[in-house]
N, C-alpha and C. Protein backbone atom coordinates (compact mmCIF):
# COMPACT_ATOMS: atom_id res chain seq x y z
N UNK A 1 -32.67 -24.24 -72.17
CA UNK A 1 -32.72 -24.71 -70.66
C UNK A 1 -33.73 -25.11 -70.25
N UNK A 2 -34.11 -26.38 -69.56
CA UNK A 2 -35.18 -26.98 -69.45
C UNK A 2 -35.61 -26.07 -67.47
N UNK A 3 -36.77 -26.25 -67.68
CA UNK A 3 -37.52 -24.61 -66.13
C UNK A 3 -36.98 -24.97 -65.30
N UNK A 4 -37.39 -24.30 -63.85
CA UNK A 4 -36.32 -24.58 -62.81
C UNK A 4 -37.12 -24.16 -62.17
N UNK A 5 -36.76 -25.35 -61.22
CA UNK A 5 -38.72 -25.89 -59.90
C UNK A 5 -39.12 -24.92 -59.76
N UNK A 6 -40.40 -25.03 -59.46
CA UNK A 6 -41.12 -23.68 -58.70
C UNK A 6 -41.46 -23.63 -56.82
N UNK A 7 -40.63 -21.90 -57.22
CA UNK A 7 -40.44 -21.75 -55.52
C UNK A 7 -41.82 -21.09 -55.22
N UNK A 8 -41.91 -22.13 -53.73
CA UNK A 8 -43.22 -21.59 -53.23
C UNK A 8 -43.64 -20.56 -51.77
N UNK A 9 -43.82 -19.75 -51.70
CA UNK A 9 -43.42 -18.71 -50.17
C UNK A 9 -45.30 -19.15 -49.95
N UNK A 10 -44.59 -19.31 -48.37
CA UNK A 10 -45.95 -18.73 -47.68
C UNK A 10 -46.18 -17.71 -46.99
N UNK A 11 -47.01 -16.87 -46.39
CA UNK A 11 -47.13 -15.94 -45.52
C UNK A 11 -46.57 -14.49 -46.02
N UNK A 12 -46.89 -14.14 -47.24
CA UNK A 12 -45.94 -13.25 -47.49
C UNK A 12 -47.34 -12.09 -47.95
N UNK A 13 -46.96 -11.38 -46.61
CA UNK A 13 -48.11 -10.28 -46.53
C UNK A 13 -47.97 -9.24 -47.73
N UNK A 14 -49.42 -8.43 -47.99
CA UNK A 14 -49.13 -7.36 -49.42
C UNK A 14 -47.47 -6.50 -48.96
N UNK A 15 -47.96 -6.29 -47.70
CA UNK A 15 -45.87 -5.42 -48.32
C UNK A 15 -45.32 -5.65 -47.93
N UNK A 16 -44.91 -6.57 -47.80
CA UNK A 16 -43.98 -8.04 -48.36
C UNK A 16 -43.91 -8.36 -49.74
N UNK A 17 -44.80 -8.55 -50.74
CA UNK A 17 -44.66 -9.08 -51.67
C UNK A 17 -44.27 -7.24 -52.93
N UNK A 18 -44.76 -5.78 -51.99
CA UNK A 18 -44.26 -4.81 -52.35
C UNK A 18 -42.42 -4.79 -52.37
N UNK A 19 -42.20 -4.67 -51.54
CA UNK A 19 -41.00 -5.00 -51.15
C UNK A 19 -40.00 -5.37 -52.17
N UNK A 20 -40.47 -7.13 -52.37
CA UNK A 20 -40.48 -8.24 -53.08
C UNK A 20 -39.79 -7.78 -54.59
N UNK A 21 -40.76 -7.04 -54.97
CA UNK A 21 -41.17 -6.74 -56.29
C UNK A 21 -40.46 -4.97 -56.11
N UNK A 22 -39.83 -4.39 -55.04
CA UNK A 22 -38.88 -2.86 -55.09
C UNK A 22 -37.53 -3.76 -55.75
N UNK A 23 -37.47 -4.51 -54.72
CA UNK A 23 -35.94 -5.64 -54.18
C UNK A 23 -35.67 -5.89 -55.70
N UNK A 24 -36.33 -7.01 -56.31
CA UNK A 24 -36.15 -7.47 -57.54
C UNK A 24 -35.81 -6.05 -58.82
N UNK A 25 -36.52 -5.25 -58.59
CA UNK A 25 -36.89 -3.87 -59.34
C UNK A 25 -35.17 -3.37 -59.48
N UNK A 26 -34.60 -3.73 -57.86
CA UNK A 26 -33.22 -2.60 -58.04
C UNK A 26 -32.40 -3.50 -58.10
N UNK A 27 -32.55 -4.92 -58.09
CA UNK A 27 -31.22 -5.36 -58.12
C UNK A 27 -31.07 -6.16 -59.27
N UNK A 28 -32.26 -7.00 -60.54
CA UNK A 28 -32.08 -7.20 -61.66
C UNK A 28 -32.82 -6.23 -62.55
N UNK A 29 -32.94 -5.08 -62.52
CA UNK A 29 -33.95 -4.13 -63.28
C UNK A 29 -35.19 -5.06 -63.86
N UNK A 30 -36.21 -5.49 -63.17
CA UNK A 30 -37.25 -6.37 -63.69
C UNK A 30 -38.50 -5.95 -62.73
N UNK A 31 -39.36 -4.82 -63.29
CA UNK A 31 -40.35 -4.50 -62.58
C UNK A 31 -41.56 -5.94 -62.99
N UNK A 32 -42.01 -6.28 -61.68
CA UNK A 32 -42.95 -7.11 -62.12
C UNK A 32 -44.19 -6.25 -62.52
N UNK A 33 -44.61 -6.11 -63.17
CA UNK A 33 -46.23 -5.54 -62.77
C UNK A 33 -47.24 -6.39 -62.67
N UNK A 34 -48.32 -5.63 -61.87
CA UNK A 34 -49.26 -6.80 -60.97
C UNK A 34 -48.90 -7.84 -60.29
N UNK A 35 -49.68 -8.97 -59.78
CA UNK A 35 -49.75 -9.73 -59.09
C UNK A 35 -49.71 -11.73 -59.29
N UNK A 36 -49.29 -11.41 -60.39
CA UNK A 36 -49.00 -12.78 -61.35
C UNK A 36 -49.01 -12.21 -63.00
N UNK A 37 -48.21 -13.34 -63.92
CA UNK A 37 -48.50 -12.91 -65.34
C UNK A 37 -46.84 -13.82 -65.58
N UNK A 38 -46.32 -13.55 -66.53
CA UNK A 38 -45.24 -13.54 -67.50
C UNK A 38 -44.43 -12.57 -67.76
N UNK A 39 -43.16 -12.27 -67.32
CA UNK A 39 -42.38 -11.35 -67.61
C UNK A 39 -41.13 -12.57 -68.22
N UNK A 40 -40.52 -11.64 -69.44
CA UNK A 40 -39.20 -11.29 -69.78
C UNK A 40 -37.91 -10.63 -70.02
N UNK A 41 -37.05 -10.93 -69.60
CA UNK A 41 -36.18 -9.88 -69.81
C UNK A 41 -35.19 -10.42 -69.51
N UNK A 42 -33.52 -9.46 -70.77
CA UNK A 42 -32.10 -10.37 -70.39
C UNK A 42 -32.31 -11.77 -71.06
N UNK A 43 -32.64 -12.50 -71.37
CA UNK A 43 -33.12 -13.95 -71.93
C UNK A 43 -33.48 -14.59 -70.22
N UNK A 44 -34.21 -14.41 -69.68
CA UNK A 44 -34.42 -14.89 -68.83
C UNK A 44 -36.03 -14.84 -68.72
N UNK A 45 -37.73 -15.23 -68.51
CA UNK A 45 -38.65 -15.67 -68.51
C UNK A 45 -38.96 -15.90 -67.08
N UNK A 46 -39.76 -15.74 -66.99
CA UNK A 46 -40.25 -16.17 -65.28
C UNK A 46 -41.38 -15.70 -65.38
N UNK A 47 -42.23 -16.55 -63.98
CA UNK A 47 -43.73 -16.90 -64.31
C UNK A 47 -44.23 -16.31 -62.80
N UNK A 48 -44.96 -15.61 -62.18
CA UNK A 48 -44.84 -16.00 -60.95
C UNK A 48 -46.19 -15.26 -60.83
N UNK A 49 -46.83 -15.77 -59.19
CA UNK A 49 -48.57 -15.13 -58.71
C UNK A 49 -49.17 -15.03 -57.24
N UNK A 50 -48.42 -13.96 -56.86
CA UNK A 50 -49.43 -13.98 -55.93
C UNK A 50 -50.73 -13.75 -55.39
N UNK A 51 -51.21 -15.00 -54.22
CA UNK A 51 -52.76 -14.21 -54.56
C UNK A 51 -52.33 -14.00 -52.42
N UNK A 52 -53.04 -12.73 -52.71
CA UNK A 52 -52.99 -11.76 -51.52
C UNK A 52 -54.25 -12.48 -50.04
N UNK A 53 -55.02 -13.54 -51.02
CA UNK A 53 -56.33 -13.91 -49.36
C UNK A 53 -55.34 -14.74 -48.89
N UNK A 54 -54.62 -16.01 -49.59
CA UNK A 54 -54.26 -16.90 -49.36
C UNK A 54 -52.16 -16.54 -48.44
N UNK A 55 -51.95 -15.18 -49.05
CA UNK A 55 -50.80 -14.90 -49.31
C UNK A 55 -49.36 -15.64 -49.78
N UNK A 56 -49.49 -16.31 -50.52
CA UNK A 56 -48.59 -16.98 -51.70
C UNK A 56 -48.38 -16.67 -52.46
N UNK A 57 -46.73 -16.59 -52.26
CA UNK A 57 -46.23 -15.60 -53.32
C UNK A 57 -45.45 -17.46 -54.43
N UNK A 58 -46.07 -17.43 -55.31
CA UNK A 58 -45.26 -18.64 -56.30
C UNK A 58 -44.30 -18.00 -57.41
N UNK A 59 -43.34 -18.86 -57.38
CA UNK A 59 -42.74 -18.22 -58.33
C UNK A 59 -41.60 -19.33 -59.94
N UNK A 60 -41.62 -19.38 -60.40
CA UNK A 60 -40.58 -20.36 -61.67
C UNK A 60 -40.00 -19.38 -62.61
N UNK A 61 -38.54 -19.69 -62.56
CA UNK A 61 -37.74 -19.05 -64.23
C UNK A 61 -38.21 -20.58 -64.87
N UNK A 62 -39.01 -19.46 -65.93
CA UNK A 62 -39.49 -21.19 -67.11
C UNK A 62 -37.75 -21.24 -68.32
N UNK A 63 -37.18 -20.44 -68.29
CA UNK A 63 -36.21 -20.51 -69.31
C UNK A 63 -34.87 -19.05 -68.85
N UNK A 64 -34.00 -19.50 -68.75
CA UNK A 64 -32.73 -17.91 -69.17
C UNK A 64 -31.21 -18.76 -69.78
N UNK A 65 -30.45 -17.64 -69.97
CA UNK A 65 -29.48 -17.99 -70.50
C UNK A 65 -28.77 -19.42 -70.65
N UNK A 66 -27.62 -20.23 -70.10
CA UNK A 66 -27.05 -21.31 -70.21
C UNK A 66 -26.30 -21.10 -68.39
N UNK A 67 -26.27 -20.02 -68.87
CA UNK A 67 -25.76 -19.89 -67.35
C UNK A 67 -26.45 -18.39 -66.71
N UNK A 68 -26.58 -18.39 -65.66
CA UNK A 68 -26.19 -19.17 -64.52
C UNK A 68 -27.43 -20.78 -64.29
N UNK A 69 -27.17 -21.61 -63.44
CA UNK A 69 -27.89 -22.85 -63.13
C UNK A 69 -29.42 -22.36 -62.53
N UNK A 70 -29.83 -22.36 -62.82
CA UNK A 70 -31.15 -23.49 -61.57
C UNK A 70 -31.13 -22.69 -60.56
N UNK A 71 -29.99 -23.78 -60.02
CA UNK A 71 -29.65 -23.72 -57.80
C UNK A 71 -29.14 -21.86 -58.13
N UNK A 72 -28.03 -21.32 -58.70
CA UNK A 72 -28.63 -20.09 -58.55
C UNK A 72 -29.24 -18.99 -58.84
N UNK A 73 -30.20 -19.25 -60.04
CA UNK A 73 -31.51 -18.35 -59.86
C UNK A 73 -32.19 -18.90 -58.76
N UNK A 74 -32.49 -19.59 -57.94
CA UNK A 74 -33.28 -19.97 -56.52
C UNK A 74 -33.20 -19.38 -56.16
N UNK A 75 -32.19 -19.73 -55.53
CA UNK A 75 -30.84 -18.84 -54.11
C UNK A 75 -31.49 -17.40 -54.55
N UNK A 76 -30.98 -16.68 -55.31
CA UNK A 76 -31.59 -15.39 -55.67
C UNK A 76 -32.67 -15.11 -55.40
N UNK A 77 -33.32 -16.03 -56.30
CA UNK A 77 -35.01 -14.92 -55.72
C UNK A 77 -35.50 -15.24 -53.88
N UNK A 78 -34.48 -16.31 -53.75
CA UNK A 78 -34.91 -16.93 -51.94
C UNK A 78 -34.43 -15.65 -51.33
N UNK A 79 -33.23 -15.15 -51.38
CA UNK A 79 -32.52 -14.45 -50.80
C UNK A 79 -33.90 -13.04 -50.86
N UNK A 80 -33.70 -12.65 -51.99
CA UNK A 80 -34.59 -12.04 -52.09
C UNK A 80 -35.84 -12.17 -51.61
N UNK A 81 -37.17 -12.81 -50.97
CA UNK A 81 -38.04 -12.96 -50.42
C UNK A 81 -37.27 -13.12 -49.09
N UNK A 82 -36.46 -13.77 -48.06
CA UNK A 82 -35.65 -13.39 -47.27
C UNK A 82 -35.68 -12.23 -47.21
N UNK A 83 -35.44 -11.53 -47.65
CA UNK A 83 -34.69 -10.23 -47.34
C UNK A 83 -35.75 -8.80 -46.91
N UNK A 84 -37.37 -9.53 -47.33
CA UNK A 84 -38.27 -8.37 -47.19
C UNK A 84 -39.54 -9.47 -47.06
N UNK A 85 -38.85 -10.86 -45.25
CA UNK A 85 -39.14 -11.15 -44.71
C UNK A 85 -39.64 -10.12 -43.34
């Protein structure tokens, strides 16, 4: 699968970023160590970067199993971020 579109979220406080990481672990079983990097788990490869100075969080699914489509993956990420806003 080709990579999904990168998502950029602005005005994400350190507390919100902590919430996002906790929700991703709770909902998807994925632990995001640190503020940036790449992680592969269960066939998904995700790259993320959080900058606490600019309060910008960027995330992109680089690879996934054939299903689900990018739209569903990005909607799931958006829902987690919205839930912590």
